[in-house]
Amino acid sequence: MNKRLSLGITAFVFTLAACSDVSTRPEEGGVRPDTTQRRDTTQVPVDTTGISQRRLIECPTTQTSTNSALLGVLGGTVAAAGTSISLPAGAVLVGTLIRVTVPASTYMEIDVTANDLLSFLFLKPVTITIDYSRCPTSVTAGKTLTVWHINTQTKVLIENMHGVNDPVQRKISFTTDHLSGYAIAQ
Protein backbone atom coordinates (compact mmCIF):
# COMPACT_ATOMS: atom_id res chain seq x y z
CA MET A 1 0.00 0.00 0.00
CA ASN A 2 2.85 2.35 0.82
CA LYS A 3 4.31 1.70 -2.59
CA ARG A 4 1.06 2.77 -4.30
CA LEU A 5 0.79 5.88 -2.15
CA SER A 6 4.38 6.73 -2.94
CA LEU A 7 3.76 6.35 -6.71
CA GLY A 8 0.61 8.49 -6.45
CA ILE A 9 2.43 11.27 -4.63
CA THR A 10 5.27 11.15 -7.15
CA ALA A 11 2.83 11.45 -10.08
CA PHE A 12 1.09 14.37 -8.34
CA VAL A 13 4.38 16.19 -7.79
CA PHE A 14 5.37 15.76 -11.47
CA THR A 15 1.97 17.07 -12.56
CA LEU A 16 2.37 20.16 -10.38
CA ALA A 17 5.88 20.70 -11.68
CA ALA A 18 4.66 20.53 -15.28
CA CYS A 19 1.93 23.10 -14.59
CA SER A 20 4.36 25.50 -12.96
CA ASP A 21 6.49 25.72 -16.12
CA VAL A 22 6.94 29.40 -17.03
CA SER A 23 6.12 28.82 -20.73
CA THR A 24 2.62 27.48 -19.97
CA ARG A 25 1.76 29.66 -17.00
CA PRO A 26 -0.07 32.97 -17.61
CA GLU A 27 1.79 36.18 -16.88
CA GLU A 28 1.31 37.67 -13.43
CA GLY A 29 -1.88 39.68 -13.11
CA GLY A 30 -3.61 38.50 -16.26
CA VAL A 31 -4.29 36.01 -18.98
CA ARG A 32 -2.45 35.80 -22.29
CA PRO A 33 -4.56 36.87 -25.28
CA ASP A 34 -5.78 34.17 -27.66
CA THR A 35 -3.44 34.44 -30.64
CA THR A 36 -5.06 31.58 -32.53
CA GLN A 37 -8.06 33.69 -33.60
CA ARG A 38 -8.03 36.36 -36.31
CA ARG A 39 -8.34 39.75 -34.64
CA ASP A 40 -9.82 41.73 -37.55
CA THR A 41 -12.80 39.84 -38.94
CA THR A 42 -14.02 42.80 -41.01
CA GLN A 43 -11.34 42.46 -43.71
CA VAL A 44 -12.66 41.68 -47.18
CA PRO A 45 -10.54 39.33 -49.30
CA VAL A 46 -8.76 40.99 -52.21
CA ASP A 47 -10.16 40.08 -55.66
CA THR A 48 -7.20 38.72 -57.62
CA THR A 49 -9.34 37.30 -60.44
CA GLY A 50 -10.76 40.55 -61.82
CA ILE A 51 -14.35 39.31 -61.46
CA SER A 52 -15.47 42.30 -59.40
CA GLN A 53 -14.28 44.70 -62.11
CA ARG A 54 -16.07 42.93 -64.97
CA ARG A 55 -19.64 43.11 -66.18
CA LEU A 56 -21.38 41.29 -69.00
CA ILE A 57 -21.77 43.30 -72.20
CA GLU A 58 -25.34 44.06 -73.19
CA CYS A 59 -26.27 43.15 -76.77
CA PRO A 60 -29.98 42.33 -76.61
CA THR A 61 -31.64 39.93 -79.00
CA THR A 62 -35.08 38.37 -79.00
CA GLN A 63 -34.10 35.46 -81.22
CA THR A 64 -32.54 32.16 -80.21
CA SER A 65 -30.27 30.38 -82.67
CA THR A 66 -29.24 26.77 -82.17
CA ASN A 67 -27.55 24.04 -84.15
CA SER A 68 -26.29 20.56 -83.31
CA ALA A 69 -24.35 17.74 -84.90
CA LEU A 70 -23.11 14.29 -83.99
CA LEU A 71 -19.30 14.47 -83.85
CA GLY A 72 -17.00 11.52 -83.36
CA VAL A 73 -13.33 10.61 -83.05
CA LEU A 74 -12.44 12.58 -86.22
CA GLY A 75 -13.70 15.84 -84.66
CA GLY A 76 -15.56 18.59 -86.52
CA THR A 77 -17.30 21.94 -86.12
CA VAL A 78 -20.80 23.02 -85.08
CA ALA A 79 -21.92 26.64 -85.58
CA ALA A 80 -24.96 28.79 -84.80
CA ALA A 81 -25.31 32.54 -85.47
CA GLY A 82 -21.58 32.82 -86.24
CA THR A 83 -20.60 31.20 -82.94
CA SER A 84 -18.83 27.83 -83.22
CA ILE A 85 -17.13 24.99 -81.44
CA SER A 86 -14.36 23.01 -83.15
CA LEU A 87 -13.29 19.61 -81.87
CA PRO A 88 -9.90 18.25 -82.89
CA ALA A 89 -9.51 14.57 -83.75
CA GLY A 90 -9.51 12.52 -80.55
CA ALA A 91 -11.41 15.04 -78.39
CA VAL A 92 -14.17 12.41 -78.06
CA LEU A 93 -13.92 8.65 -78.62
CA VAL A 94 -17.56 7.96 -79.47
CA GLY A 95 -20.32 9.81 -81.30
CA THR A 96 -21.25 12.84 -79.21
CA LEU A 97 -24.13 15.22 -79.86
CA ILE A 98 -22.70 18.76 -79.69
CA ARG A 99 -25.20 21.64 -79.47
CA VAL A 100 -24.42 25.35 -79.77
CA THR A 101 -27.11 27.79 -78.62
CA VAL A 102 -27.06 31.57 -78.79
CA PRO A 103 -30.10 32.34 -76.62
CA ALA A 104 -32.47 35.29 -76.73
CA SER A 105 -30.81 37.40 -74.05
CA THR A 106 -29.83 40.85 -72.93
CA TYR A 107 -26.21 39.67 -72.81
CA MET A 108 -23.77 38.26 -75.37
CA GLU A 109 -23.90 34.74 -74.02
CA ILE A 110 -23.85 31.23 -75.44
CA ASP A 111 -24.50 27.74 -74.20
CA VAL A 112 -22.63 24.71 -75.53
CA THR A 113 -23.58 21.19 -74.52
CA ALA A 114 -22.53 17.65 -75.30
CA ASN A 115 -25.17 14.91 -75.15
CA ASP A 116 -27.47 17.45 -73.42
CA LEU A 117 -25.37 17.23 -70.23
CA LEU A 118 -24.88 20.21 -67.91
CA SER A 119 -21.11 19.70 -68.00
CA PHE A 120 -18.78 17.70 -70.21
CA LEU A 121 -15.01 17.04 -70.25
CA PHE A 122 -13.11 16.48 -73.51
CA LEU A 123 -10.01 14.34 -73.97
CA LYS A 124 -8.32 17.23 -75.86
CA PRO A 125 -8.96 20.98 -75.69
CA VAL A 126 -11.62 22.33 -78.06
CA THR A 127 -11.88 25.83 -79.55
CA ILE A 128 -14.96 27.97 -79.06
CA THR A 129 -15.43 31.18 -81.03
CA ILE A 130 -18.13 33.67 -80.03
CA ASP A 131 -19.36 36.08 -82.69
CA TYR A 132 -20.38 39.38 -81.11
CA SER A 133 -21.20 41.22 -84.35
CA ARG A 134 -24.79 41.77 -83.13
CA CYS A 135 -23.40 44.13 -80.47
CA PRO A 136 -23.34 47.83 -81.27
CA THR A 137 -19.79 49.12 -81.81
CA SER A 138 -20.42 51.68 -79.05
CA VAL A 139 -20.59 48.75 -76.61
CA THR A 140 -17.36 47.06 -77.75
CA ALA A 141 -15.10 49.64 -79.43
CA GLY A 142 -11.97 50.37 -77.43
CA LYS A 143 -13.02 48.03 -74.62
CA THR A 144 -11.01 45.14 -73.23
CA LEU A 145 -13.33 42.22 -73.87
CA THR A 146 -12.97 38.93 -72.01
CA VAL A 147 -14.94 35.70 -72.18
CA TRP A 148 -16.12 34.00 -68.99
CA HIS A 149 -17.55 30.67 -67.94
CA ILE A 150 -20.85 31.74 -66.35
CA ASN A 151 -23.74 30.32 -64.42
CA THR A 152 -26.41 30.46 -67.14
CA GLN A 153 -29.22 30.95 -64.60
CA THR A 154 -27.73 33.70 -62.41
CA LYS A 155 -25.22 35.15 -64.93
CA VAL A 156 -22.54 35.04 -62.24
CA LEU A 157 -18.99 35.05 -63.65
CA ILE A 158 -17.15 31.87 -62.67
CA GLU A 159 -13.89 31.61 -64.62
CA ASN A 160 -12.01 33.83 -67.07
CA MET A 161 -11.43 31.72 -70.18
CA HIS A 162 -8.54 33.94 -71.41
CA GLY A 163 -9.94 34.43 -74.89
CA VAL A 164 -8.26 36.14 -77.81
CA ASN A 165 -10.30 39.03 -79.20
CA ASP A 166 -10.40 39.85 -82.92
CA PRO A 167 -12.08 43.28 -83.03
CA VAL A 168 -11.98 43.40 -86.84
CA GLN A 169 -13.94 40.13 -87.21
CA ARG A 170 -15.84 40.93 -83.97
CA LYS A 171 -15.14 37.49 -82.55
CA ILE A 172 -13.44 36.19 -79.43
CA SER A 173 -11.94 32.66 -79.29
CA PHE A 174 -10.69 30.46 -76.47
CA THR A 175 -9.77 26.86 -75.81
CA THR A 176 -11.25 24.69 -73.09
CA ASP A 177 -11.57 21.07 -72.06
CA HIS A 178 -15.08 21.50 -70.60
CA LEU A 179 -18.45 22.76 -71.72
CA SER A 180 -20.94 25.06 -70.06
CA GLY A 181 -22.34 28.55 -70.52
CA TYR A 182 -20.07 31.40 -71.59
CA ALA A 183 -20.50 35.14 -71.98
CA ILE A 184 -18.46 38.17 -73.00
CA ALA A 185 -17.66 40.79 -70.38
CA GLN A 186 -15.78 44.08 -70.31
C-alpha atoms as a PDB file:
ATOM      1  CA  MET A   1       0.000   0.000   0.000  1.00  0.00           C
ATOM      2  CA  ASN A   2       2.850   2.354   0.822  1.00  0.00           C
ATOM      3  CA  LYS A   3       4.313   1.699  -2.586  1.00  0.00           C
ATOM      4  CA  ARG A   4       1.062   2.772  -4.296  1.00  0.00           C
ATOM      5  CA  LEU A   5       0.791   5.880  -2.146  1.00  0.00           C
ATOM      6  CA  SER A   6       4.384   6.728  -2.936  1.00  0.00           C
ATOM      7  CA  LEU A   7       3.763   6.345  -6.710  1.00  0.00           C
ATOM      8  CA  GLY A   8       0.607   8.488  -6.454  1.00  0.00           C
ATOM      9  CA  ILE A   9       2.426  11.273  -4.629  1.00  0.00           C
ATOM     10  CA  THR A  10       5.271  11.150  -7.150  1.00  0.00           C
ATOM     11  CA  ALA A  11       2.828  11.451 -10.080  1.00  0.00           C
ATOM     12  CA  PHE A  12       1.088  14.369  -8.343  1.00  0.00           C
ATOM     13  CA  VAL A  13       4.382  16.189  -7.792  1.00  0.00           C
ATOM     14  CA  PHE A  14       5.371  15.755 -11.469  1.00  0.00           C
ATOM     15  CA  THR A  15       1.973  17.072 -12.557  1.00  0.00           C
ATOM     16  CA  LEU A  16       2.372  20.160 -10.376  1.00  0.00           C
ATOM     17  CA  ALA A  17       5.884  20.705 -11.677  1.00  0.00           C
ATOM     18  CA  ALA A  18       4.663  20.532 -15.283  1.00  0.00           C
ATOM     19  CA  CYS A  19       1.926  23.102 -14.592  1.00  0.00           C
ATOM     20  CA  SER A  20       4.359  25.496 -12.962  1.00  0.00           C
ATOM     21  CA  ASP A  21       6.486  25.720 -16.118  1.00  0.00           C
ATOM     22  CA  VAL A  22       6.941  29.400 -17.031  1.00  0.00           C
ATOM     23  CA  SER A  23       6.116  28.818 -20.730  1.00  0.00           C
ATOM     24  CA  THR A  24       2.617  27.478 -19.967  1.00  0.00           C
ATOM     25  CA  ARG A  25       1.757  29.657 -17.000  1.00  0.00           C
ATOM     26  CA  PRO A  26      -0.073  32.967 -17.615  1.00  0.00           C
ATOM     27  CA  GLU A  27       1.792  36.180 -16.880  1.00  0.00           C
ATOM     28  CA  GLU A  28       1.307  37.674 -13.426  1.00  0.00           C
ATOM     29  CA  GLY A  29      -1.882  39.682 -13.109  1.00  0.00           C
ATOM     30  CA  GLY A  30      -3.613  38.499 -16.265  1.00  0.00           C
ATOM     31  CA  VAL A  31      -4.287  36.009 -18.981  1.00  0.00           C
ATOM     32  CA  ARG A  32      -2.455  35.803 -22.289  1.00  0.00           C
ATOM     33  CA  PRO A  33      -4.562  36.870 -25.283  1.00  0.00           C
ATOM     34  CA  ASP A  34      -5.779  34.171 -27.663  1.00  0.00           C
ATOM     35  CA  THR A  35      -3.437  34.441 -30.638  1.00  0.00           C
ATOM     36  CA  THR A  36      -5.061  31.576 -32.526  1.00  0.00           C
ATOM     37  CA  GLN A  37      -8.058  33.689 -33.595  1.00  0.00           C
ATOM     38  CA  ARG A  38      -8.034  36.359 -36.314  1.00  0.00           C
ATOM     39  CA  ARG A  39      -8.343  39.745 -34.639  1.00  0.00           C
ATOM     40  CA  ASP A  40      -9.823  41.734 -37.548  1.00  0.00           C
ATOM     41  CA  THR A  41     -12.802  39.842 -38.938  1.00  0.00           C
ATOM     42  CA  THR A  42     -14.022  42.798 -41.014  1.00  0.00           C
ATOM     43  CA  GLN A  43     -11.338  42.459 -43.712  1.00  0.00           C
ATOM     44  CA  VAL A  44     -12.657  41.677 -47.175  1.00  0.00           C
ATOM     45  CA  PRO A  45     -10.544  39.329 -49.296  1.00  0.00           C
ATOM     46  CA  VAL A  46      -8.758  40.986 -52.211  1.00  0.00           C
ATOM     47  CA  ASP A  47     -10.162  40.081 -55.659  1.00  0.00           C
ATOM     48  CA  THR A  48      -7.196  38.722 -57.623  1.00  0.00           C
ATOM     49  CA  THR A  49      -9.341  37.302 -60.442  1.00  0.00           C
ATOM     50  CA  GLY A  50     -10.762  40.545 -61.822  1.00  0.00           C
ATOM     51  CA  ILE A  51     -14.347  39.306 -61.462  1.00  0.00           C
ATOM     52  CA  SER A  52     -15.468  42.296 -59.396  1.00  0.00           C
ATOM     53  CA  GLN A  53     -14.278  44.702 -62.109  1.00  0.00           C
ATOM     54  CA  ARG A  54     -16.067  42.928 -64.972  1.00  0.00           C
ATOM     55  CA  ARG A  55     -19.638  43.107 -66.182  1.00  0.00           C
ATOM     56  CA  LEU A  56     -21.384  41.290 -69.004  1.00  0.00           C
ATOM     57  CA  ILE A  57     -21.771  43.304 -72.199  1.00  0.00           C
ATOM     58  CA  GLU A  58     -25.343  44.060 -73.190  1.00  0.00           C
ATOM     59  CA  CYS A  59     -26.267  43.145 -76.769  1.00  0.00           C
ATOM     60  CA  PRO A  60     -29.979  42.335 -76.606  1.00  0.00           C
ATOM     61  CA  THR A  61     -31.640  39.928 -79.002  1.00  0.00           C
ATOM     62  CA  THR A  62     -35.080  38.369 -78.998  1.00  0.00           C
ATOM     63  CA  GLN A  63     -34.097  35.458 -81.222  1.00  0.00           C
ATOM     64  CA  THR A  64     -32.545  32.165 -80.206  1.00  0.00           C
ATOM     65  CA  SER A  65     -30.271  30.381 -82.665  1.00  0.00           C
ATOM     66  CA  THR A  66     -29.243  26.770 -82.171  1.00  0.00           C
ATOM     67  CA  ASN A  67     -27.548  24.035 -84.148  1.00  0.00           C
ATOM     68  CA  SER A  68     -26.294  20.561 -83.311  1.00  0.00           C
ATOM     69  CA  ALA A  69     -24.352  17.738 -84.897  1.00  0.00           C
ATOM     70  CA  LEU A  70     -23.111  14.294 -83.992  1.00  0.00           C
ATOM     71  CA  LEU A  71     -19.300  14.474 -83.846  1.00  0.00           C
ATOM     72  CA  GLY A  72     -16.997  11.519 -83.365  1.00  0.00           C
ATOM     73  CA  VAL A  73     -13.331  10.615 -83.050  1.00  0.00           C
ATOM     74  CA  LEU A  74     -12.440  12.584 -86.222  1.00  0.00           C
ATOM     75  CA  GLY A  75     -13.705  15.837 -84.659  1.00  0.00           C
ATOM     76  CA  GLY A  76     -15.562  18.589 -86.519  1.00  0.00           C
ATOM     77  CA  THR A  77     -17.305  21.938 -86.115  1.00  0.00           C
ATOM     78  CA  VAL A  78     -20.799  23.019 -85.077  1.00  0.00           C
ATOM     79  CA  ALA A  79     -21.918  26.642 -85.577  1.00  0.00           C
ATOM     80  CA  ALA A  80     -24.965  28.794 -84.799  1.00  0.00           C
ATOM     81  CA  ALA A  81     -25.312  32.544 -85.472  1.00  0.00           C
ATOM     82  CA  GLY A  82     -21.582  32.820 -86.237  1.00  0.00           C
ATOM     83  CA  THR A  83     -20.595  31.196 -82.940  1.00  0.00           C
ATOM     84  CA  SER A  84     -18.835  27.833 -83.220  1.00  0.00           C
ATOM     85  CA  ILE A  85     -17.125  24.988 -81.444  1.00  0.00           C
ATOM     86  CA  SER A  86     -14.356  23.015 -83.149  1.00  0.00           C
ATOM     87  CA  LEU A  87     -13.293  19.612 -81.872  1.00  0.00           C
ATOM     88  CA  PRO A  88      -9.900  18.251 -82.895  1.00  0.00           C
ATOM     89  CA  ALA A  89      -9.512  14.574 -83.746  1.00  0.00           C
ATOM     90  CA  GLY A  90      -9.505  12.519 -80.547  1.00  0.00           C
ATOM     91  CA  ALA A  91     -11.412  15.040 -78.388  1.00  0.00           C
ATOM     92  CA  VAL A  92     -14.166  12.405 -78.064  1.00  0.00           C
ATOM     93  CA  LEU A  93     -13.919   8.652 -78.619  1.00  0.00           C
ATOM     94  CA  VAL A  94     -17.560   7.958 -79.468  1.00  0.00           C
ATOM     95  CA  GLY A  95     -20.316   9.815 -81.301  1.00  0.00           C
ATOM     96  CA  THR A  96     -21.246  12.837 -79.207  1.00  0.00           C
ATOM     97  CA  LEU A  97     -24.135  15.221 -79.856  1.00  0.00           C
ATOM     98  CA  ILE A  98     -22.700  18.757 -79.694  1.00  0.00           C
ATOM     99  CA  ARG A  99     -25.197  21.636 -79.465  1.00  0.00           C
ATOM    100  CA  VAL A 100     -24.425  25.353 -79.774  1.00  0.00           C
ATOM    101  CA  THR A 101     -27.110  27.787 -78.623  1.00  0.00           C
ATOM    102  CA  VAL A 102     -27.059  31.567 -78.787  1.00  0.00           C
ATOM    103  CA  PRO A 103     -30.099  32.339 -76.619  1.00  0.00           C
ATOM    104  CA  ALA A 104     -32.468  35.292 -76.726  1.00  0.00           C
ATOM    105  CA  SER A 105     -30.810  37.398 -74.053  1.00  0.00           C
ATOM    106  CA  THR A 106     -29.827  40.852 -72.931  1.00  0.00           C
ATOM    107  CA  TYR A 107     -26.209  39.668 -72.810  1.00  0.00           C
ATOM    108  CA  MET A 108     -23.765  38.264 -75.370  1.00  0.00           C
ATOM    109  CA  GLU A 109     -23.903  34.743 -74.018  1.00  0.00           C
ATOM    110  CA  ILE A 110     -23.846  31.230 -75.436  1.00  0.00           C
ATOM    111  CA  ASP A 111     -24.502  27.739 -74.200  1.00  0.00           C
ATOM    112  CA  VAL A 112     -22.634  24.709 -75.533  1.00  0.00           C
ATOM    113  CA  THR A 113     -23.580  21.188 -74.519  1.00  0.00           C
ATOM    114  CA  ALA A 114     -22.529  17.648 -75.298  1.00  0.00           C
ATOM    115  CA  ASN A 115     -25.169  14.905 -75.150  1.00  0.00           C
ATOM    116  CA  ASP A 116     -27.469  17.446 -73.416  1.00  0.00           C
ATOM    117  CA  LEU A 117     -25.375  17.231 -70.230  1.00  0.00           C
ATOM    118  CA  LEU A 118     -24.879  20.214 -67.910  1.00  0.00           C
ATOM    119  CA  SER A 119     -21.114  19.696 -68.004  1.00  0.00           C
ATOM    120  CA  PHE A 120     -18.776  17.698 -70.209  1.00  0.00           C
ATOM    121  CA  LEU A 121     -15.011  17.040 -70.250  1.00  0.00           C
ATOM    122  CA  PHE A 122     -13.111  16.482 -73.506  1.00  0.00           C
ATOM    123  CA  LEU A 123     -10.006  14.336 -73.970  1.00  0.00           C
ATOM    124  CA  LYS A 124      -8.323  17.229 -75.861  1.00  0.00           C
ATOM    125  CA  PRO A 125      -8.964  20.980 -75.694  1.00  0.00           C
ATOM    126  CA  VAL A 126     -11.616  22.334 -78.064  1.00  0.00           C
ATOM    127  CA  THR A 127     -11.876  25.829 -79.547  1.00  0.00           C
ATOM    128  CA  ILE A 128     -14.957  27.971 -79.062  1.00  0.00           C
ATOM    129  CA  THR A 129     -15.428  31.184 -81.031  1.00  0.00           C
ATOM    130  CA  ILE A 130     -18.130  33.669 -80.028  1.00  0.00           C
ATOM    131  CA  ASP A 131     -19.362  36.083 -82.688  1.00  0.00           C
ATOM    132  CA  TYR A 132     -20.381  39.382 -81.106  1.00  0.00           C
ATOM    133  CA  SER A 133     -21.203  41.222 -84.350  1.00  0.00           C
ATOM    134  CA  ARG A 134     -24.787  41.769 -83.127  1.00  0.00           C
ATOM    135  CA  CYS A 135     -23.396  44.126 -80.468  1.00  0.00           C
ATOM    136  CA  PRO A 136     -23.341  47.833 -81.270  1.00  0.00           C
ATOM    137  CA  THR A 137     -19.786  49.115 -81.807  1.00  0.00           C
ATOM    138  CA  SER A 138     -20.423  51.678 -79.049  1.00  0.00           C
ATOM    139  CA  VAL A 139     -20.588  48.753 -76.615  1.00  0.00           C
ATOM    140  CA  THR A 140     -17.361  47.062 -77.745  1.00  0.00           C
ATOM    141  CA  ALA A 141     -15.098  49.641 -79.430  1.00  0.00           C
ATOM    142  CA  GLY A 142     -11.965  50.374 -77.432  1.00  0.00           C
ATOM    143  CA  LYS A 143     -13.025  48.029 -74.623  1.00  0.00           C
ATOM    144  CA  THR A 144     -11.013  45.138 -73.229  1.00  0.00           C
ATOM    145  CA  LEU A 145     -13.328  42.216 -73.869  1.00  0.00           C
ATOM    146  CA  THR A 146     -12.971  38.928 -72.014  1.00  0.00           C
ATOM    147  CA  VAL A 147     -14.944  35.701 -72.177  1.00  0.00           C
ATOM    148  CA  TRP A 148     -16.117  34.003 -68.995  1.00  0.00           C
ATOM    149  CA  HIS A 149     -17.553  30.674 -67.942  1.00  0.00           C
ATOM    150  CA  ILE A 150     -20.850  31.740 -66.350  1.00  0.00           C
ATOM    151  CA  ASN A 151     -23.741  30.316 -64.417  1.00  0.00           C
ATOM    152  CA  THR A 152     -26.410  30.464 -67.140  1.00  0.00           C
ATOM    153  CA  GLN A 153     -29.215  30.947 -64.596  1.00  0.00           C
ATOM    154  CA  THR A 154     -27.731  33.701 -62.413  1.00  0.00           C
ATOM    155  CA  LYS A 155     -25.223  35.147 -64.935  1.00  0.00           C
ATOM    156  CA  VAL A 156     -22.539  35.036 -62.240  1.00  0.00           C
ATOM    157  CA  LEU A 157     -18.990  35.053 -63.646  1.00  0.00           C
ATOM    158  CA  ILE A 158     -17.153  31.866 -62.673  1.00  0.00           C
ATOM    159  CA  GLU A 159     -13.894  31.612 -64.622  1.00  0.00           C
ATOM    160  CA  ASN A 160     -12.009  33.826 -67.070  1.00  0.00           C
ATOM    161  CA  MET A 161     -11.428  31.715 -70.180  1.00  0.00           C
ATOM    162  CA  HIS A 162      -8.543  33.940 -71.412  1.00  0.00           C
ATOM    163  CA  GLY A 163      -9.945  34.425 -74.885  1.00  0.00           C
ATOM    164  CA  VAL A 164      -8.261  36.141 -77.810  1.00  0.00           C
ATOM    165  CA  ASN A 165     -10.304  39.028 -79.197  1.00  0.00           C
ATOM    166  CA  ASP A 166     -10.396  39.846 -82.921  1.00  0.00           C
ATOM    167  CA  PRO A 167     -12.076  43.281 -83.030  1.00  0.00           C
ATOM    168  CA  VAL A 168     -11.981  43.404 -86.839  1.00  0.00           C
ATOM    169  CA  GLN A 169     -13.941  40.130 -87.207  1.00  0.00           C
ATOM    170  CA  ARG A 170     -15.845  40.933 -83.966  1.00  0.00           C
ATOM    171  CA  LYS A 171     -15.140  37.486 -82.549  1.00  0.00           C
ATOM    172  CA  ILE A 172     -13.437  36.190 -79.435  1.00  0.00           C
ATOM    173  CA  SER A 173     -11.944  32.663 -79.287  1.00  0.00           C
ATOM    174  CA  PHE A 174     -10.694  30.456 -76.472  1.00  0.00           C
ATOM    175  CA  THR A 175      -9.768  26.857 -75.807  1.00  0.00           C
ATOM    176  CA  THR A 176     -11.247  24.694 -73.091  1.00  0.00           C
ATOM    177  CA  ASP A 177     -11.568  21.070 -72.065  1.00  0.00           C
ATOM    178  CA  HIS A 178     -15.076  21.497 -70.604  1.00  0.00           C
ATOM    179  CA  LEU A 179     -18.453  22.764 -71.716  1.00  0.00           C
ATOM    180  CA  SER A 180     -20.936  25.059 -70.055  1.00  0.00           C
ATOM    181  CA  GLY A 181     -22.343  28.547 -70.521  1.00  0.00           C
ATOM    182  CA  TYR A 182     -20.070  31.395 -71.593  1.00  0.00           C
ATOM    183  CA  ALA A 183     -20.498  35.145 -71.976  1.00  0.00           C
ATOM    184  CA  ILE A 184     -18.459  38.166 -73.003  1.00  0.00           C
ATOM    185  CA  ALA A 185     -17.664  40.793 -70.379  1.00  0.00           C
ATOM    186  CA  GLN A 186     -15.780  44.079 -70.315  1.00  0.00           C
END
